[in-house]
Amino acid sequence: ARLYLDEDVSPRLAVALRQVGYDTESAQELGHLG
């Protein structure tokens, strides 16, 4: 799955998921806070 983690989910999870092959973006990394 291609995932988008909202701002309440730690961006560390996005990093961990990418390390095991998931296409993951996080709100925090993209500047979508608020």
All heavy atoms as atom14 arrays in JSON, in Angstrom:
{
  "sequence": "ARLYLDEDVSPRLAVALRQVGYDTESAQELGHLG",
  "atom14_mask": [
    [1, 1, 1, 1, 1, 0, 0, 0, 0, 0, 0, 0, 0, 0],
    [1, 1, 1, 1, 1, 1, 1, 1, 1, 1, 1, 0, 0, 0],
    [1, 1, 1, 1, 1, 1, 1, 1, 0, 0, 0, 0, 0, 0],
    [1, 1, 1, 1, 1, 1, 1, 1, 1, 1, 1, 1, 0, 0],
    [1, 1, 1, 1, 1, 1, 1, 1, 0, 0, 0, 0, 0, 0],
    [1, 1, 1, 1, 1, 1, 1, 1, 0, 0, 0, 0, 0, 0],
    [1, 1, 1, 1, 1, 1, 1, 1, 1, 0, 0, 0, 0, 0],
    [1, 1, 1, 1, 1, 1, 1, 1, 0, 0, 0, 0, 0, 0],
    [1, 1, 1, 1, 1, 1, 1, 0, 0, 0, 0, 0, 0, 0],
    [1, 1, 1, 1, 1, 1, 0, 0, 0, 0, 0, 0, 0, 0],
    [1, 1, 1, 1, 1, 1, 1, 0, 0, 0, 0, 0, 0, 0],
    [1, 1, 1, 1, 1, 1, 1, 1, 1, 1, 1, 0, 0, 0],
    [1, 1, 1, 1, 1, 1, 1, 1, 0, 0, 0, 0, 0, 0],
    [1, 1, 1, 1, 1, 0, 0, 0, 0, 0, 0, 0, 0, 0],
    [1, 1, 1, 1, 1, 1, 1, 0, 0, 0, 0, 0, 0, 0],
    [1, 1, 1, 1, 1, 0, 0, 0, 0, 0, 0, 0, 0, 0],
    [1, 1, 1, 1, 1, 1, 1, 1, 0, 0, 0, 0, 0, 0],
    [1, 1, 1, 1, 1, 1, 1, 1, 1, 1, 1, 0, 0, 0],
    [1, 1, 1, 1, 1, 1, 1, 1, 1, 0, 0, 0, 0, 0],
    [1, 1, 1, 1, 1, 1, 1, 0, 0, 0, 0, 0, 0, 0],
    [1, 1, 1, 1, 0, 0, 0, 0, 0, 0, 0, 0, 0, 0],
    [1, 1, 1, 1, 1, 1, 1, 1, 1, 1, 1, 1, 0, 0],
    [1, 1, 1, 1, 1, 1, 1, 1, 0, 0, 0, 0, 0, 0],
    [1, 1, 1, 1, 1, 1, 1, 0, 0, 0, 0, 0, 0, 0],
    [1, 1, 1, 1, 1, 1, 1, 1, 1, 0, 0, 0, 0, 0],
    [1, 1, 1, 1, 1, 1, 0, 0, 0, 0, 0, 0, 0, 0],
    [1, 1, 1, 1, 1, 0, 0, 0, 0, 0, 0, 0, 0, 0],
    [1, 1, 1, 1, 1, 1, 1, 1, 1, 0, 0, 0, 0, 0],
    [1, 1, 1, 1, 1, 1, 1, 1, 1, 0, 0, 0, 0, 0],
    [1, 1, 1, 1, 1, 1, 1, 1, 0, 0, 0, 0, 0, 0],
    [1, 1, 1, 1, 0, 0, 0, 0, 0, 0, 0, 0, 0, 0],
    [1, 1, 1, 1, 1, 1, 1, 1, 1, 1, 0, 0, 0, 0],
    [1, 1, 1, 1, 1, 1, 1, 1, 0, 0, 0, 0, 0, 0],
    [1, 1, 1, 1, 0, 0, 0, 0, 0, 0, 0, 0, 0, 0]
  ],
  "atom14_positions": [
    [[0.83, -1.21, 0.0], [0.0, 0.0, 0.0], [0.86, 1.26, 0.0], [1.94, 1.29, 0.57], [-0.9, 0.01, 1.23], [0.0, 0.0, 0.0], [0.0, 0.0, 0.0], [0.0, 0.0, 0.0], [0.0, 0.0, 0.0], [0.0, 0.0, 0.0], [0.0, 0.0, 0.0], [0.0, 0.0, 0.0], [0.0, 0.0, 0.0], [0.0, 0.0, 0.0]],
    [[0.35, 2.29, -0.65], [0.95, 3.63, -0.59], [0.27, 4.32, 0.59], [-0.95, 4.47, 0.6], [0.69, 4.38, -1.89], [1.44, 3.79, -3.07], [1.0, 4.36, -4.42], [0.66, 5.76, -4.42], [1.51, 6.78, -4.68], [2.76, 6.51, -4.97], [1.1, 8.02, -4.66], [0.0, 0.0, 0.0], [0.0, 0.0, 0.0], [0.0, 0.0, 0.0]],
    [[1.04, 4.74, 1.57], [0.48, 5.25, 2.82], [0.74, 6.73, 3.02], [1.76, 7.27, 2.57], [1.09, 4.49, 4.0], [0.9, 2.98, 4.01], [1.71, 2.35, 5.13], [-0.56, 2.62, 4.13], [0.0, 0.0, 0.0], [0.0, 0.0, 0.0], [0.0, 0.0, 0.0], [0.0, 0.0, 0.0], [0.0, 0.0, 0.0], [0.0, 0.0, 0.0]],
    [[-0.2, 7.37, 3.71], [-0.04, 8.76, 4.16], [-0.36, 8.77, 5.64], [-1.47, 8.44, 6.06], [-0.97, 9.69, 3.39], [-0.93, 11.12, 3.88], [0.22, 11.89, 3.74], [-2.03, 11.7, 4.47], [0.27, 13.2, 4.17], [-2.0, 13.02, 4.91], [-0.85, 13.77, 4.76], [-0.81, 15.06, 5.2], [0.0, 0.0, 0.0], [0.0, 0.0, 0.0]],
    [[0.62, 9.14, 6.46], [0.45, 9.19, 7.91], [0.07, 10.61, 8.32], [0.76, 11.56, 7.96], [1.75, 8.79, 8.62], [2.11, 7.32, 8.67], [2.12, 6.65, 7.32], [3.42, 7.12, 9.38], [0.0, 0.0, 0.0], [0.0, 0.0, 0.0], [0.0, 0.0, 0.0], [0.0, 0.0, 0.0], [0.0, 0.0, 0.0], [0.0, 0.0, 0.0]],
    [[-1.03, 10.75, 9.06], [-1.43, 12.1, 9.46], [-0.51, 12.62, 10.56], [0.4, 11.93, 11.02], [-2.92, 12.17, 9.82], [-3.28, 11.69, 11.21], [-2.41, 11.18, 11.93], [-4.46, 11.83, 11.58], [0.0, 0.0, 0.0], [0.0, 0.0, 0.0], [0.0, 0.0, 0.0], [0.0, 0.0, 0.0], [0.0, 0.0, 0.0], [0.0, 0.0, 0.0]],
    [[-0.74, 13.85, 10.99], [0.21, 14.51, 11.87], [0.29, 13.92, 13.27], [1.23, 14.21, 14.01], [-0.07, 16.01, 11.94], [-1.37, 16.39, 12.6], [-1.59, 17.89, 12.55], [-1.83, 18.42, 11.46], [-1.51, 18.53, 13.62], [0.0, 0.0, 0.0], [0.0, 0.0, 0.0], [0.0, 0.0, 0.0], [0.0, 0.0, 0.0], [0.0, 0.0, 0.0]],
    [[-0.67, 13.08, 13.65], [-0.63, 12.46, 14.97], [0.23, 11.2, 14.99], [0.43, 10.6, 16.04], [-2.04, 12.13, 15.44], [-2.86, 13.38, 15.67], [-2.29, 14.39, 16.12], [-4.07, 13.36, 15.39], [0.0, 0.0, 0.0], [0.0, 0.0, 0.0], [0.0, 0.0, 0.0], [0.0, 0.0, 0.0], [0.0, 0.0, 0.0], [0.0, 0.0, 0.0]],
    [[0.72, 10.8, 13.84], [1.56, 9.6, 13.74], [3.01, 10.07, 13.59], [3.32, 10.93, 12.77], [1.14, 8.74, 12.53], [2.03, 7.52, 12.42], [-0.33, 8.36, 12.63], [0.0, 0.0, 0.0], [0.0, 0.0, 0.0], [0.0, 0.0, 0.0], [0.0, 0.0, 0.0], [0.0, 0.0, 0.0], [0.0, 0.0, 0.0], [0.0, 0.0, 0.0]],
    [[3.88, 9.5, 14.38], [5.29, 9.9, 14.36], [5.9, 9.68, 12.97], [5.72, 8.62, 12.37], [6.07, 9.08, 15.39], [7.46, 9.31, 15.25], [0.0, 0.0, 0.0], [0.0, 0.0, 0.0], [0.0, 0.0, 0.0], [0.0, 0.0, 0.0], [0.0, 0.0, 0.0], [0.0, 0.0, 0.0], [0.0, 0.0, 0.0], [0.0, 0.0, 0.0]],
    [[6.65, 10.67, 12.49], [7.34, 10.48, 11.21], [8.38, 9.36, 11.28], [8.81, 8.84, 10.26], [7.98, 11.84, 10.92], [8.02, 12.55, 12.23], [6.89, 12.0, 13.05], [0.0, 0.0, 0.0], [0.0, 0.0, 0.0], [0.0, 0.0, 0.0], [0.0, 0.0, 0.0], [0.0, 0.0, 0.0], [0.0, 0.0, 0.0], [0.0, 0.0, 0.0]],
    [[8.78, 8.97, 12.49], [9.69, 7.83, 12.63], [9.06, 6.55, 12.09], [9.76, 5.68, 11.58], [10.12, 7.66, 14.08], [11.02, 8.8, 14.56], [11.43, 8.62, 15.98], [10.2, 8.66, 16.81], [10.17, 8.53, 18.11], [11.28, 8.32, 18.79], [9.04, 8.6, 18.77], [0.0, 0.0, 0.0], [0.0, 0.0, 0.0], [0.0, 0.0, 0.0]],
    [[7.73, 6.45, 12.2], [7.05, 5.29, 11.64], [7.16, 5.3, 10.12], [7.35, 4.26, 9.5], [5.59, 5.23, 12.08], [4.78, 4.04, 11.57], [5.44, 2.71, 11.96], [3.35, 4.1, 12.08], [0.0, 0.0, 0.0], [0.0, 0.0, 0.0], [0.0, 0.0, 0.0], [0.0, 0.0, 0.0], [0.0, 0.0, 0.0], [0.0, 0.0, 0.0]],
    [[7.05, 6.47, 9.52], [7.2, 6.58, 8.06], [8.58, 6.1, 7.64], [8.72, 5.35, 6.67], [6.97, 8.02, 7.6], [0.0, 0.0, 0.0], [0.0, 0.0, 0.0], [0.0, 0.0, 0.0], [0.0, 0.0, 0.0], [0.0, 0.0, 0.0], [0.0, 0.0, 0.0], [0.0, 0.0, 0.0], [0.0, 0.0, 0.0], [0.0, 0.0, 0.0]],
    [[9.6, 6.49, 8.37], [10.97, 6.07, 8.07], [11.08, 4.55, 8.19], [11.62, 3.88, 7.3], [11.98, 6.77, 9.01], [13.37, 6.19, 8.84], [11.99, 8.28, 8.75], [0.0, 0.0, 0.0], [0.0, 0.0, 0.0], [0.0, 0.0, 0.0], [0.0, 0.0, 0.0], [0.0, 0.0, 0.0], [0.0, 0.0, 0.0], [0.0, 0.0, 0.0]],
    [[10.54, 3.99, 9.27], [10.61, 2.54, 9.49], [9.87, 1.78, 8.39], [10.35, 0.75, 7.9], [10.05, 2.19, 10.86], [0.0, 0.0, 0.0], [0.0, 0.0, 0.0], [0.0, 0.0, 0.0], [0.0, 0.0, 0.0], [0.0, 0.0, 0.0], [0.0, 0.0, 0.0], [0.0, 0.0, 0.0], [0.0, 0.0, 0.0], [0.0, 0.0, 0.0]],
    [[8.71, 2.27, 8.0], [7.94, 1.61, 6.95], [8.67, 1.66, 5.61], [8.67, 0.69, 4.86], [6.54, 2.22, 6.84], [5.59, 1.87, 7.98], [4.35, 2.76, 7.93], [5.21, 0.4, 7.94], [0.0, 0.0, 0.0], [0.0, 0.0, 0.0], [0.0, 0.0, 0.0], [0.0, 0.0, 0.0], [0.0, 0.0, 0.0], [0.0, 0.0, 0.0]],
    [[9.29, 2.8, 5.31], [10.07, 2.9, 4.07], [11.23, 1.91, 4.06], [11.56, 1.33, 3.03], [10.57, 4.32, 3.86], [9.49, 5.27, 3.35], [10.07, 6.57, 2.85], [10.64, 7.38, 3.91], [9.98, 8.31, 4.6], [8.7, 8.57, 4.34], [10.59, 8.99, 5.54], [0.0, 0.0, 0.0], [0.0, 0.0, 0.0], [0.0, 0.0, 0.0]],
    [[11.82, 1.68, 5.23], [12.96, 0.76, 5.32], [12.57, -0.68, 4.98], [13.42, -1.46, 4.58], [13.6, 0.82, 6.71], [14.34, 2.1, 6.95], [14.88, 2.22, 8.36], [14.48, 1.5, 9.27], [15.81, 3.15, 8.56], [0.0, 0.0, 0.0], [0.0, 0.0, 0.0], [0.0, 0.0, 0.0], [0.0, 0.0, 0.0], [0.0, 0.0, 0.0]],
    [[11.28, -1.0, 5.15], [10.83, -2.35, 4.8], [10.02, -2.36, 3.51], [9.31, -3.3, 3.21], [10.04, -3.02, 5.96], [10.95, -3.27, 7.15], [8.81, -2.21, 6.35], [0.0, 0.0, 0.0], [0.0, 0.0, 0.0], [0.0, 0.0, 0.0], [0.0, 0.0, 0.0], [0.0, 0.0, 0.0], [0.0, 0.0, 0.0], [0.0, 0.0, 0.0]],
    [[10.13, -1.27, 2.73], [9.6, -1.27, 1.38], [8.26, -0.59, 1.14], [7.76, -0.61, 0.03], [0.0, 0.0, 0.0], [0.0, 0.0, 0.0], [0.0, 0.0, 0.0], [0.0, 0.0, 0.0], [0.0, 0.0, 0.0], [0.0, 0.0, 0.0], [0.0, 0.0, 0.0], [0.0, 0.0, 0.0], [0.0, 0.0, 0.0], [0.0, 0.0, 0.0]],
    [[7.68, 0.02, 2.16], [6.41, 0.71, 1.95], [6.65, 2.12, 1.42], [7.55, 2.82, 1.87], [5.6, 0.8, 3.26], [4.95, -0.5, 3.64], [5.63, -1.42, 4.41], [3.66, -0.8, 3.22], [5.05, -2.63, 4.75], [3.07, -2.0, 3.56], [3.77, -2.91, 4.33], [3.18, -4.1, 4.67], [0.0, 0.0, 0.0], [0.0, 0.0, 0.0]],
    [[5.83, 2.52, 0.47], [5.85, 3.88, -0.08], [5.05, 4.74, 0.88], [3.82, 4.72, 0.89], [5.21, 3.86, -1.48], [5.2, 5.22, -2.14], [5.55, 6.22, -1.49], [4.82, 5.27, -3.32], [0.0, 0.0, 0.0], [0.0, 0.0, 0.0], [0.0, 0.0, 0.0], [0.0, 0.0, 0.0], [0.0, 0.0, 0.0], [0.0, 0.0, 0.0]],
    [[5.74, 5.46, 1.74], [5.1, 6.17, 2.85], [5.48, 7.63, 2.89], [6.65, 7.98, 2.75], [5.5, 5.51, 4.19], [5.23, 4.11, 4.12], [4.74, 6.11, 5.35], [0.0, 0.0, 0.0], [0.0, 0.0, 0.0], [0.0, 0.0, 0.0], [0.0, 0.0, 0.0], [0.0, 0.0, 0.0], [0.0, 0.0, 0.0], [0.0, 0.0, 0.0]],
    [[4.49, 8.49, 3.09], [4.68, 9.93, 3.3], [4.05, 10.28, 4.64], [3.07, 9.66, 5.05], [3.98, 10.74, 2.2], [4.48, 10.48, 0.8], [5.76, 11.22, 0.47], [6.27, 11.96, 1.33], [6.24, 11.04, -0.65], [0.0, 0.0, 0.0], [0.0, 0.0, 0.0], [0.0, 0.0, 0.0], [0.0, 0.0, 0.0], [0.0, 0.0, 0.0]],
    [[4.58, 11.28, 5.31], [3.95, 11.72, 6.56], [3.62, 13.2, 6.48], [4.31, 13.98, 5.81], [4.87, 11.44, 7.76], [5.84, 12.43, 7.9], [0.0, 0.0, 0.0], [0.0, 0.0, 0.0], [0.0, 0.0, 0.0], [0.0, 0.0, 0.0], [0.0, 0.0, 0.0], [0.0, 0.0, 0.0], [0.0, 0.0, 0.0], [0.0, 0.0, 0.0]],
    [[2.55, 13.56, 7.15], [2.13, 14.96, 7.19], [3.25, 15.85, 7.72], [3.49, 16.94, 7.2], [0.87, 15.1, 8.05], [0.0, 0.0, 0.0], [0.0, 0.0, 0.0], [0.0, 0.0, 0.0], [0.0, 0.0, 0.0], [0.0, 0.0, 0.0], [0.0, 0.0, 0.0], [0.0, 0.0, 0.0], [0.0, 0.0, 0.0], [0.0, 0.0, 0.0]],
    [[3.94, 15.37, 8.73], [5.01, 16.17, 9.31], [6.14, 16.4, 8.32], [6.65, 17.51, 8.21], [5.52, 15.52, 10.59], [4.48, 15.53, 11.68], [4.94, 14.82, 12.94], [6.02, 14.26, 13.01], [4.1, 14.85, 13.96], [0.0, 0.0, 0.0], [0.0, 0.0, 0.0], [0.0, 0.0, 0.0], [0.0, 0.0, 0.0], [0.0, 0.0, 0.0]],
    [[6.52, 15.37, 7.6], [7.61, 15.5, 6.63], [7.23, 16.42, 5.48], [8.08, 17.11, 4.91], [7.98, 14.14, 6.06], [8.6, 13.2, 7.08], [8.74, 11.78, 6.57], [7.94, 11.34, 5.72], [9.67, 11.11, 7.03], [0.0, 0.0, 0.0], [0.0, 0.0, 0.0], [0.0, 0.0, 0.0], [0.0, 0.0, 0.0], [0.0, 0.0, 0.0]],
    [[5.95, 16.43, 5.13], [5.49, 17.24, 4.0], [5.09, 18.66, 4.39], [4.73, 19.46, 3.53], [4.3, 16.55, 3.32], [4.61, 15.21, 2.67], [3.32, 14.53, 2.22], [5.55, 15.41, 1.48], [0.0, 0.0, 0.0], [0.0, 0.0, 0.0], [0.0, 0.0, 0.0], [0.0, 0.0, 0.0], [0.0, 0.0, 0.0], [0.0, 0.0, 0.0]],
    [[5.13, 18.97, 5.68], [4.75, 20.31, 6.14], [3.25, 20.52, 6.21], [2.78, 21.65, 6.08], [0.0, 0.0, 0.0], [0.0, 0.0, 0.0], [0.0, 0.0, 0.0], [0.0, 0.0, 0.0], [0.0, 0.0, 0.0], [0.0, 0.0, 0.0], [0.0, 0.0, 0.0], [0.0, 0.0, 0.0], [0.0, 0.0, 0.0], [0.0, 0.0, 0.0]],
    [[2.51, 19.44, 6.42], [1.05, 19.53, 6.47], [0.52, 19.69, 7.9], [-0.65, 19.43, 8.15], [0.42, 18.29, 5.85], [0.72, 18.13, 4.4], [0.3, 17.04, 3.68], [1.4, 18.9, 3.51], [0.69, 17.14, 2.42], [1.38, 18.26, 2.3], [0.0, 0.0, 0.0], [0.0, 0.0, 0.0], [0.0, 0.0, 0.0], [0.0, 0.0, 0.0]],
    [[1.34, 20.12, 8.82], [0.91, 20.3, 10.2], [-0.15, 21.39, 10.29], [-0.04, 22.43, 9.63], [2.1, 20.64, 11.1], [3.18, 19.58, 11.19], [4.31, 20.04, 12.1], [2.61, 18.26, 11.67], [0.0, 0.0, 0.0], [0.0, 0.0, 0.0], [0.0, 0.0, 0.0], [0.0, 0.0, 0.0], [0.0, 0.0, 0.0], [0.0, 0.0, 0.0]],
    [[-1.17, 21.14, 11.1], [-2.23, 22.12, 11.27], [-3.33, 22.02, 10.24], [-4.31, 22.75, 10.32], [0.0, 0.0, 0.0], [0.0, 0.0, 0.0], [0.0, 0.0, 0.0], [0.0, 0.0, 0.0], [0.0, 0.0, 0.0], [0.0, 0.0, 0.0], [0.0, 0.0, 0.0], [0.0, 0.0, 0.0], [0.0, 0.0, 0.0], [0.0, 0.0, 0.0]]
  ]
}
